Amino acid sequence: MHTRTVRVTLAPLLAAVCATAAADPPAVPPQRVGQARAVLDAFVKEDYAAAGKDFDETMRKAFPEEKRRELWAKLIKQVGPFKGHAGARTERKAPYDVVNLTCRFEKADIVFHVAFDADGKVSGFRLSAAHPAYDFKPPPYARPDSYREEEVTVGAGRWALPGTLTIPKGDGPFPAVVLVHGSGSNDRDQTIGPNKVLRDLAWGLASQGIAVLRYEKRTRHYADRLRPEEVTVKEEVLDDALAAVAVLRGRKEVDAQRIFVAGHSLGGYLAPKLGTLDPQLAGLIVLAGPTRPLEDLIVEQVDYLSRLEGEPDATDKKDLEKLREKAARVKSPDLKPDTPSDQLPLGWPAVYWLSLRGYDPAATAAGLKMPLLVLRGERDYQVTATDFDGWKKALGGRRDVRLKTYPGLNHLFIEGSGKPSPADYEKAGHVSKEVVDDIAAWVKGR
C-alpha cells in the first residue's frame, strides 16, 4: 500500500514507517548507502533531530522527532543495545532508491530499510527482522508425487493477481478450497518468517485429493498502485477471494458443487461475509478467526506484548492509552471518511474502519445455511479463547458446524511451547498434520 503510516497487522511486525513502490531500472547511487548510515548513526547517538534531517515533508509529519524517539526506545527495549553494522544492500524500486542496512543488536539482527526519492530525500523508513537464509522443505505429510501445480490468474483487468492452483493427480472432479490470507501484505504462501502457512495447507490438502487455490494478496502485488483511501475490506479481501472461487468454478478438474473457502485470521474473520456474498459455496473453514471487533483485538494484543517481559514502563502505558483513545474513535458515531488516519489504530484509514462497521462474524455465520468448520490453536495469543467462545455461542447447537481447538498450536497452527510470543513465528515449522487431516476429512465428508 502506498503509505508512510505505521501499519501493524494481526501477524506480528516491527512498527514501521514505510513507503512502497515497484519496478526495476537504474542502479542506486553509491552515496545513498552513506546517507542511510547517517540516519541510523543519528538514532544510535540518540540525536533524533539529526535522524530526520533529510526526511521529506510528508515523512517529517508522519514520523516526527517524538515518534523517532519512541521507536528507538522500544527497539532497544526489545532487542538490546546496538552492536554494529553487518552489511548493506541496495535496490531500485522506481521511483525510489532503497538501502537495506543489516545491523547487529544484542539479541537480534535488524534490517533498516531507507527509501530515497529522486532528490535524495528520505521518503520511507521501516524496520524488519533479519532472517537467515532458509531452505523451505515440504511438510512431512506432503506427497509431491500425488499432485501438480499450475500458475493461474485470479480476477481480470487492473487488479488481476497471480496464483497457484494445486491439483491432485488422478480422475476428478475434486473438491476444492480457496485459501484466504490474514491481514498484511501477504504473498500467496502467507510467508511469515521461515514459515509458509498457506503453502503447507495447499500441499497437505492436495496430497489427500483436494484441489487448492492460493494467490498473491492485492495489497502486496499492487502496493505501488493502491492508495490508502481506496482500500476497504472489499478491496483487500472480499473481491479477490470471490474471484478465486470463480476460477475454480471454471475448471473441469473441480467439482463446482464442492468449493469451500478457508480463511486464516482476518480471512477467517471475513469468511462469513464471503458466505453471504456467495451462498453457493459448499462451506466455510475458519482458521484462527476472531469474533470481536478488530480495534479491540489490537488493543488487547498490544497490551499483551507490553507485558511479556514484566510490567510495562511509562512509555508503554502512555502508548496503550493513546491506542485505546484511537480504538474508541473507531466506535464513535462521529467517525467520518475524512477522519485523519493518524487518529485511528495502526494508521489505517477511516474508510477501512467504516467498511467493518456493524459487522459481526459470529452472528453473520449463524445466519448462513452452509456448514462451517472452526479451528483454533490454544497457544494463539492473537485470537484467544474469548473469540472461540464467540463462535461456540453463535454456532454450537448446529449439527452442520464443527468447532475444535488444538493444545500446543499457535496462531499459525504450528507446534510450540512456553509463553506465546512473536518469537514463535521466527522458528521454522509446519502447520500441524492433525489440522490438515481434520480439514481434509471435513471437506471430503461434505
Protein backbone atom coordinates (compact mmCIF):
# COMPACT_ATOMS: atom_id res chain seq x y z
CA MET A 1 0.00 0.00 0.00
CA HIS A 2 1.40 3.38 -0.93
CA THR A 3 1.63 4.84 2.53
CA ARG A 4 4.02 6.20 5.10
CA THR A 5 1.89 5.44 8.13
CA VAL A 6 2.56 2.92 10.86
CA ARG A 7 0.96 -0.37 9.81
CA VAL A 8 0.71 -3.33 12.18
CA THR A 9 -1.38 -6.39 11.42
CA LEU A 10 -2.83 -9.47 13.08
CA ALA A 11 0.52 -11.05 12.20
CA PRO A 12 3.48 -9.76 14.21
CA LEU A 13 5.54 -6.98 12.67
CA LEU A 14 8.02 -4.46 13.97
CA ALA A 15 6.46 -0.99 13.96
CA ALA A 16 7.19 0.60 10.60
CA VAL A 17 7.02 3.88 8.79
CA CYS A 18 7.11 2.74 5.20
CA ALA A 19 6.99 3.73 1.57
CA THR A 20 6.49 1.16 -1.18
CA ALA A 21 6.90 1.12 -4.93
CA ALA A 22 7.61 -1.23 -7.82
CA ALA A 23 9.80 -1.73 -10.86
CA ASP A 24 13.47 -2.18 -11.57
CA PRO A 25 15.76 0.07 -13.67
CA PRO A 26 18.92 2.11 -12.95
CA ALA A 27 21.47 1.44 -10.25
CA VAL A 28 21.18 3.11 -6.86
CA PRO A 29 23.75 5.94 -6.47
CA PRO A 30 26.50 4.74 -4.09
CA GLN A 31 26.15 7.82 -1.85
CA ARG A 32 22.72 6.60 -0.76
CA VAL A 33 24.37 3.96 1.45
CA GLY A 34 26.28 6.67 3.29
CA GLN A 35 23.10 8.73 3.69
CA ALA A 36 21.21 5.75 5.09
CA ARG A 37 24.02 5.00 7.55
CA ALA A 38 23.96 8.64 8.66
CA VAL A 39 20.27 8.24 9.54
CA LEU A 40 20.99 5.10 11.54
CA ASP A 41 24.04 6.60 13.25
CA ALA A 42 21.90 9.53 14.39
CA PHE A 43 19.49 7.08 16.03
CA VAL A 44 22.39 5.29 17.71
CA LYS A 45 23.60 8.64 19.10
CA GLU A 46 20.00 9.41 20.14
CA ASP A 47 20.13 12.57 18.05
CA TYR A 48 16.55 12.32 16.79
CA ALA A 49 16.56 15.73 15.14
CA ALA A 50 19.56 14.71 13.01
CA ALA A 51 17.91 11.38 12.21
CA GLY A 52 15.12 13.26 10.41
CA LYS A 53 17.33 15.92 8.83
CA ASP A 54 16.93 14.54 5.30
CA PHE A 55 13.27 13.46 5.63
CA ASP A 56 10.89 14.84 3.03
CA GLU A 57 7.95 16.92 4.20
CA THR A 58 5.49 14.02 4.37
CA MET A 59 7.89 11.88 6.37
CA ARG A 60 8.52 14.72 8.84
CA LYS A 61 4.81 14.93 9.51
CA ALA A 62 4.27 11.15 9.67
CA PHE A 63 7.41 10.42 11.69
CA PRO A 64 8.23 13.47 13.85
CA GLU A 65 11.04 13.63 16.37
CA GLU A 66 8.88 12.34 19.24
CA LYS A 67 7.92 9.22 17.28
CA ARG A 68 11.56 8.63 16.32
CA ARG A 69 12.48 8.73 19.99
CA GLU A 70 9.67 6.30 20.89
CA LEU A 71 10.58 3.89 18.09
CA TRP A 72 14.24 3.70 19.11
CA ALA A 73 13.41 3.28 22.80
CA LYS A 74 11.05 0.39 22.01
CA LEU A 75 13.56 -1.22 19.68
CA ILE A 76 16.35 -1.13 22.25
CA LYS A 77 13.99 -2.50 24.89
CA GLN A 78 13.12 -5.39 22.60
CA VAL A 79 16.49 -6.33 21.05
CA GLY A 80 19.10 -4.72 23.31
CA PRO A 81 21.91 -2.26 22.51
CA PHE A 82 23.24 -1.59 19.02
CA LYS A 83 26.41 -3.62 18.32
CA GLY A 84 27.41 -2.64 14.78
CA HIS A 85 26.80 -2.79 11.04
CA ALA A 86 26.58 -6.14 9.27
CA GLY A 87 26.19 -5.15 5.62
CA ALA A 88 24.19 -3.09 3.14
CA ARG A 89 22.16 -3.99 0.07
CA THR A 90 20.59 -1.56 -2.40
CA GLU A 91 17.66 -1.97 -4.75
CA ARG A 92 15.80 0.21 -7.19
CA LYS A 93 12.03 0.35 -6.64
CA ALA A 94 11.13 3.14 -9.01
CA PRO A 95 10.79 5.97 -8.28
CA TYR A 96 12.69 5.13 -5.07
CA ASP A 97 16.25 4.10 -4.24
CA VAL A 98 16.15 1.73 -1.28
CA VAL A 99 19.05 0.95 1.04
CA ASN A 100 18.69 -2.10 3.29
CA LEU A 101 21.10 -1.90 6.23
CA THR A 102 21.54 -5.04 8.31
CA CYS A 103 22.51 -4.12 11.88
CA ARG A 104 23.51 -6.19 14.86
CA PHE A 105 21.84 -5.68 18.20
CA GLU A 106 22.44 -7.65 21.37
CA LYS A 107 19.51 -10.03 20.88
CA ALA A 108 18.82 -9.94 17.13
CA ASP A 109 19.81 -8.62 13.74
CA ILE A 110 17.51 -5.92 12.36
CA VAL A 111 17.24 -4.56 8.81
CA PHE A 112 16.71 -0.81 8.38
CA HIS A 113 15.03 -0.10 5.04
CA VAL A 114 15.56 3.52 3.98
CA ALA A 115 13.90 4.78 0.77
CA PHE A 116 15.12 7.91 -1.06
CA ASP A 117 13.28 9.96 -3.66
CA ALA A 118 14.85 11.45 -6.77
CA ASP A 119 16.07 14.47 -4.77
CA GLY A 120 17.86 12.32 -2.23
CA LYS A 121 15.27 12.95 0.48
CA VAL A 122 14.21 10.13 2.79
CA SER A 123 10.68 9.24 1.69
CA GLY A 124 10.29 5.97 3.57
CA PHE A 125 11.71 4.22 6.62
CA ARG A 126 10.87 0.85 8.14
CA LEU A 127 12.39 -1.97 10.18
CA SER A 128 12.21 -5.73 9.79
CA ALA A 129 13.77 -8.73 11.43
CA ALA A 130 16.80 -10.10 9.57
CA HIS A 131 16.08 -13.68 8.59
CA PRO A 132 18.83 -16.17 7.87
CA ALA A 133 18.61 -17.90 4.52
CA TYR A 134 16.02 -20.64 4.85
CA ASP A 135 15.54 -23.54 2.50
CA PHE A 136 11.84 -24.29 2.75
CA LYS A 137 11.19 -28.02 2.72
CA PRO A 138 7.81 -29.68 2.17
CA PRO A 139 5.99 -30.70 5.33
CA PRO A 140 6.33 -34.43 6.02
CA TYR A 141 2.69 -35.03 5.17
CA ALA A 142 3.01 -33.56 1.64
CA ARG A 143 3.34 -36.11 -1.17
CA PRO A 144 4.65 -34.18 -4.20
CA ASP A 145 4.11 -37.15 -6.49
CA SER A 146 0.36 -37.00 -5.76
CA TYR A 147 -0.34 -33.53 -7.17
CA ARG A 148 0.79 -30.96 -9.71
CA GLU A 149 0.85 -27.15 -9.60
CA GLU A 150 -0.22 -24.68 -12.25
CA GLU A 151 0.09 -20.90 -12.43
CA VAL A 152 -3.30 -19.20 -12.84
CA THR A 153 -4.68 -15.68 -12.89
CA VAL A 154 -7.24 -14.60 -10.31
CA GLY A 155 -9.52 -11.81 -11.46
CA ALA A 156 -9.05 -9.70 -14.56
CA GLY A 157 -8.16 -6.20 -15.63
CA ARG A 158 -6.43 -3.72 -13.37
CA TRP A 159 -6.36 -5.97 -10.29
CA ALA A 160 -5.61 -9.38 -11.85
CA LEU A 161 -3.47 -11.43 -9.48
CA PRO A 162 -1.03 -14.32 -9.99
CA GLY A 163 -1.98 -17.51 -8.21
CA THR A 164 -1.12 -21.17 -7.88
CA LEU A 165 -3.60 -24.00 -8.34
CA THR A 166 -2.53 -27.26 -6.70
CA ILE A 167 -4.37 -30.15 -8.35
CA PRO A 168 -4.39 -33.80 -7.22
CA LYS A 169 -3.33 -36.32 -9.83
CA GLY A 170 -5.94 -38.78 -10.96
CA ASP A 171 -9.52 -38.62 -12.06
CA GLY A 172 -11.54 -35.64 -10.91
CA PRO A 173 -13.59 -33.71 -10.39
CA PHE A 174 -12.13 -32.94 -6.95
CA PRO A 175 -13.49 -30.91 -4.07
CA ALA A 176 -11.59 -27.62 -3.86
CA VAL A 177 -10.58 -24.96 -1.35
CA VAL A 178 -9.70 -21.28 -1.80
CA LEU A 179 -7.20 -20.09 0.81
CA VAL A 180 -7.69 -16.52 2.06
CA HIS A 181 -4.82 -14.73 3.82
CA GLY A 182 -4.66 -12.97 7.13
CA SER A 183 -4.06 -9.22 7.38
CA GLY A 184 -0.94 -7.60 5.98
CA SER A 185 0.63 -7.59 2.53
CA ASN A 186 0.93 -11.36 2.21
CA ASP A 187 2.26 -13.45 -0.61
CA ARG A 188 0.33 -16.48 -1.85
CA ASP A 189 2.08 -18.74 0.70
CA GLN A 190 1.45 -16.35 3.60
CA THR A 191 5.17 -16.35 4.37
CA ILE A 192 5.81 -15.32 7.98
CA GLY A 193 9.45 -15.61 8.98
CA PRO A 194 10.63 -19.03 7.75
CA ASN A 195 7.07 -20.40 7.68
CA LYS A 196 4.63 -20.72 4.77
CA VAL A 197 1.22 -21.42 6.24
CA LEU A 198 -0.87 -21.46 3.07
CA ARG A 199 1.68 -23.50 1.13
CA ASP A 200 1.62 -26.14 3.87
CA LEU A 201 -2.16 -26.27 3.67
CA ALA A 202 -2.18 -26.42 -0.14
CA TRP A 203 0.32 -29.26 -0.36
CA GLY A 204 -1.18 -31.15 2.57
CA LEU A 205 -4.74 -30.99 1.28
CA ALA A 206 -3.77 -31.75 -2.33
CA SER A 207 -1.96 -34.85 -1.06
CA GLN A 208 -5.36 -36.01 0.19
CA GLY A 209 -7.28 -35.42 -3.04
CA ILE A 210 -8.41 -31.78 -2.61
CA ALA A 211 -7.62 -29.06 -5.16
CA VAL A 212 -6.37 -25.81 -3.59
CA LEU A 213 -6.05 -22.27 -4.97
CA ARG A 214 -3.87 -19.62 -3.33
CA TYR A 215 -2.91 -16.22 -4.74
CA GLU A 216 -0.90 -13.07 -4.10
CA LYS A 217 -2.72 -10.53 -1.98
CA ARG A 218 -3.73 -7.33 -3.76
CA THR A 219 -2.10 -5.13 -1.12
CA ARG A 220 1.22 -6.84 -1.87
CA HIS A 221 1.08 -7.26 -5.64
CA TYR A 222 -0.24 -3.76 -6.28
CA ALA A 223 1.41 -1.94 -3.38
CA ASP A 224 2.59 0.82 -5.74
CA ARG A 225 -0.89 1.36 -7.19
CA LEU A 226 -3.16 1.31 -4.14
CA ARG A 227 -3.89 4.43 -2.15
CA PRO A 228 -4.94 4.08 1.49
CA GLU A 229 -8.19 5.96 0.99
CA GLU A 230 -9.19 3.41 -1.69
CA VAL A 231 -8.81 0.31 0.46
CA THR A 232 -11.63 -1.25 2.44
CA VAL A 233 -12.09 -4.94 3.25
CA LYS A 234 -13.83 -5.25 -0.11
CA GLU A 235 -10.64 -4.34 -1.98
CA GLU A 236 -8.27 -6.00 0.47
CA VAL A 237 -10.02 -9.36 0.80
CA LEU A 238 -13.56 -9.90 -0.50
CA ASP A 239 -13.32 -9.14 -4.22
CA ASP A 240 -10.27 -11.28 -4.82
CA ALA A 241 -11.50 -14.23 -2.74
CA LEU A 242 -14.71 -14.29 -4.79
CA ALA A 243 -12.67 -14.06 -8.00
CA ALA A 244 -10.64 -17.06 -6.85
CA VAL A 245 -13.85 -19.05 -6.32
CA ALA A 246 -14.89 -18.13 -9.87
CA VAL A 247 -11.59 -19.51 -11.19
CA LEU A 248 -12.29 -22.87 -9.53
CA ARG A 249 -15.82 -22.99 -10.91
CA GLY A 250 -14.37 -22.74 -14.40
CA ARG A 251 -12.01 -25.71 -14.00
CA LYS A 252 -13.02 -29.14 -15.27
CA GLU A 253 -10.88 -30.80 -12.57
CA VAL A 254 -13.01 -29.20 -9.84
CA ASP A 255 -16.43 -30.25 -8.60
CA ALA A 256 -18.26 -26.90 -8.81
CA GLN A 257 -20.74 -28.04 -6.14
CA ARG A 258 -17.95 -28.67 -3.60
CA ILE A 259 -15.95 -25.45 -3.43
CA PHE A 260 -15.00 -24.23 0.05
CA VAL A 261 -13.32 -21.10 1.39
CA ALA A 262 -10.73 -21.41 4.17
CA GLY A 263 -9.74 -18.09 5.74
CA HIS A 264 -6.92 -17.56 8.22
CA SER A 265 -7.03 -14.79 10.86
CA LEU A 266 -8.53 -11.77 9.02
CA GLY A 267 -9.58 -14.20 6.29
CA GLY A 268 -11.42 -16.25 8.91
CA TYR A 269 -12.99 -13.13 10.37
CA LEU A 270 -14.39 -12.27 6.93
CA ALA A 271 -15.28 -15.83 5.86
CA PRO A 272 -18.94 -15.46 6.97
CA LYS A 273 -19.18 -12.28 4.90
CA LEU A 274 -17.95 -14.25 1.87
CA GLY A 275 -20.67 -16.79 2.65
CA THR A 276 -23.34 -14.09 2.36
CA LEU A 277 -21.84 -12.84 -0.92
CA ASP A 278 -21.66 -16.32 -2.46
CA PRO A 279 -24.37 -18.59 -0.99
CA GLN A 280 -23.41 -21.35 -3.46
CA LEU A 281 -20.23 -22.13 -1.53
CA ALA A 282 -20.21 -25.66 -0.13
CA GLY A 283 -18.91 -24.48 3.24
CA LEU A 284 -16.52 -22.27 5.19
CA ILE A 285 -13.39 -23.08 7.19
CA VAL A 286 -12.44 -20.52 9.84
CA LEU A 287 -8.80 -20.79 10.93
CA ALA A 288 -7.92 -18.61 13.95
CA GLY A 289 -10.73 -16.22 13.09
CA PRO A 290 -11.68 -13.55 15.66
CA THR A 291 -15.26 -12.78 16.59
CA ARG A 292 -14.63 -9.44 18.31
CA PRO A 293 -14.10 -6.05 16.65
CA LEU A 294 -10.58 -5.69 15.25
CA GLU A 295 -9.92 -2.47 17.18
CA ASP A 296 -10.50 -4.37 20.43
CA LEU A 297 -8.14 -7.15 19.37
CA ILE A 298 -5.42 -4.64 18.51
CA VAL A 299 -5.60 -3.05 21.96
CA GLU A 300 -5.56 -6.47 23.62
CA GLN A 301 -2.57 -7.64 21.58
CA VAL A 302 -0.51 -4.52 22.27
CA ASP A 303 -1.33 -4.80 25.97
CA TYR A 304 -0.26 -8.46 25.98
CA LEU A 305 3.03 -7.76 24.18
CA SER A 306 3.85 -4.87 26.50
CA ARG A 307 3.68 -7.28 29.47
CA LEU A 308 5.73 -10.13 28.02
CA GLU A 309 8.86 -9.12 29.91
CA GLY A 310 7.24 -7.76 33.05
CA GLU A 311 5.30 -4.68 33.99
CA PRO A 312 5.09 -2.18 31.10
CA ASP A 313 7.04 1.04 31.55
CA ALA A 314 5.62 4.57 31.46
CA THR A 315 6.10 4.89 27.69
CA ASP A 316 4.27 1.61 27.04
CA LYS A 317 1.39 2.68 29.25
CA LYS A 318 1.17 6.05 27.53
CA ASP A 319 1.16 4.39 24.10
CA LEU A 320 -1.52 1.94 25.18
CA GLU A 321 -3.73 4.75 26.46
CA LYS A 322 -3.35 6.57 23.13
CA LEU A 323 -4.28 3.36 21.32
CA ARG A 324 -7.39 2.98 23.47
CA GLU A 325 -8.42 6.50 22.53
CA LYS A 326 -7.97 5.67 18.85
CA ALA A 327 -10.00 2.46 19.22
CA ALA A 328 -12.79 4.45 20.88
CA ARG A 329 -12.74 6.80 17.90
CA VAL A 330 -13.40 3.83 15.59
CA LYS A 331 -16.57 3.06 17.57
CA SER A 332 -17.71 6.66 17.71
CA PRO A 333 -20.73 7.65 15.60
CA ASP A 334 -18.68 10.73 14.72
CA LEU A 335 -16.20 8.69 12.64
CA LYS A 336 -16.24 10.04 9.09
CA PRO A 337 -14.39 9.03 5.90
CA ASP A 338 -12.18 12.10 6.21
CA THR A 339 -11.13 11.45 9.83
CA PRO A 340 -7.30 11.60 9.72
CA SER A 341 -5.72 8.14 9.77
CA ASP A 342 -3.20 9.17 12.44
CA GLN A 343 -6.13 9.46 14.84
CA LEU A 344 -7.08 5.80 14.28
CA PRO A 345 -5.49 2.47 15.28
CA LEU A 346 -2.43 1.46 13.27
CA GLY A 347 -2.86 4.41 10.93
CA TRP A 348 -5.49 2.53 8.94
CA PRO A 349 -7.73 5.00 7.08
CA ALA A 350 -11.24 5.77 8.26
CA VAL A 351 -12.80 4.21 5.14
CA TYR A 352 -11.30 0.87 6.16
CA TRP A 353 -12.74 1.03 9.66
CA LEU A 354 -16.10 2.17 8.34
CA SER A 355 -16.20 -0.85 5.99
CA LEU A 356 -16.27 -3.07 9.10
CA ARG A 357 -18.89 -1.07 10.98
CA GLY A 358 -21.79 -3.25 12.10
CA TYR A 359 -20.10 -6.48 11.01
CA ASP A 360 -20.39 -9.36 13.47
CA PRO A 361 -18.74 -12.51 12.07
CA ALA A 362 -20.35 -14.95 14.52
CA ALA A 363 -23.85 -13.53 14.06
CA THR A 364 -23.35 -13.47 10.30
CA ALA A 365 -22.22 -17.10 10.35
CA ALA A 366 -25.28 -18.05 12.41
CA GLY A 367 -27.48 -16.74 9.60
CA LEU A 368 -25.80 -18.88 6.93
CA LYS A 369 -27.22 -22.19 5.74
CA MET A 370 -23.84 -23.66 4.75
CA PRO A 371 -21.70 -25.87 7.04
CA LEU A 372 -18.73 -24.43 8.94
CA LEU A 373 -15.51 -25.77 10.43
CA VAL A 374 -13.98 -23.50 13.09
CA LEU A 375 -10.45 -24.23 14.35
CA ARG A 376 -8.10 -22.51 16.82
CA GLY A 377 -4.70 -23.21 18.38
CA GLU A 378 -4.70 -22.91 22.18
CA ARG A 379 -1.32 -21.09 22.19
CA ASP A 380 -2.74 -18.33 20.00
CA TYR A 381 -2.33 -15.02 21.86
CA GLN A 382 -3.72 -13.01 18.93
CA VAL A 383 -7.09 -14.71 18.56
CA THR A 384 -7.95 -16.01 22.01
CA ALA A 385 -10.38 -18.38 23.72
CA THR A 386 -12.76 -15.43 24.03
CA ASP A 387 -13.10 -15.35 20.25
CA PHE A 388 -13.55 -19.11 20.03
CA ASP A 389 -16.27 -18.85 22.68
CA GLY A 390 -17.97 -16.32 20.41
CA TRP A 391 -18.15 -18.91 17.64
CA LYS A 392 -19.40 -21.57 20.07
CA LYS A 393 -22.12 -19.32 21.43
CA ALA A 394 -23.40 -18.49 17.94
CA LEU A 395 -22.95 -21.88 16.29
CA GLY A 396 -22.56 -24.53 18.99
CA GLY A 397 -26.03 -26.00 18.62
CA ARG A 398 -25.80 -26.65 14.88
CA ARG A 399 -25.22 -30.16 13.58
CA ASP A 400 -23.53 -28.87 10.42
CA VAL A 401 -20.86 -26.98 12.40
CA ARG A 402 -17.69 -28.45 13.89
CA LEU A 403 -15.57 -26.49 16.40
CA LYS A 404 -12.18 -27.69 17.59
CA THR A 405 -9.12 -26.36 19.43
CA TYR A 406 -5.59 -27.77 19.49
CA PRO A 407 -3.33 -27.74 22.57
CA GLY A 408 0.21 -26.59 21.77
CA LEU A 409 -0.56 -24.86 18.45
CA ASN A 410 -0.06 -21.13 17.87
CA HIS A 411 -1.78 -18.61 15.58
CA LEU A 412 -0.14 -20.28 12.56
CA PHE A 413 -1.24 -23.75 13.76
CA ILE A 414 2.41 -24.67 14.34
CA GLU A 415 3.53 -26.58 17.43
CA GLY A 416 5.30 -24.67 20.20
CA SER A 417 5.84 -24.44 23.92
CA GLY A 418 6.23 -21.87 26.65
CA LYS A 419 4.60 -18.46 26.84
CA PRO A 420 3.38 -17.47 23.36
CA SER A 421 5.19 -14.52 21.78
CA PRO A 422 6.15 -13.11 18.36
CA ALA A 423 9.40 -15.08 18.64
CA ASP A 424 7.35 -18.22 17.88
CA TYR A 425 6.88 -17.03 14.31
CA GLU A 426 10.63 -16.84 13.72
CA LYS A 427 11.04 -20.58 14.37
CA ALA A 428 10.71 -22.82 11.35
CA GLY A 429 7.86 -25.29 11.45
CA HIS A 430 4.86 -26.60 9.57
CA VAL A 431 1.11 -26.48 10.03
CA SER A 432 0.13 -29.43 12.21
CA LYS A 433 -0.71 -32.66 10.38
CA GLU A 434 -3.73 -33.06 12.66
CA VAL A 435 -5.13 -29.76 11.40
CA VAL A 436 -4.59 -30.74 7.77
CA ASP A 437 -6.15 -34.15 8.36
CA ASP A 438 -9.17 -32.60 10.09
CA ILE A 439 -9.76 -30.15 7.25
CA ALA A 440 -9.36 -32.84 4.60
CA ALA A 441 -11.76 -35.22 6.37
CA TRP A 442 -14.34 -32.46 6.87
CA VAL A 443 -14.19 -31.30 3.23
CA LYS A 444 -14.44 -34.84 1.83
CA GLY A 445 -17.29 -35.60 4.23
CA ARG A 446 -19.48 -32.82 2.89
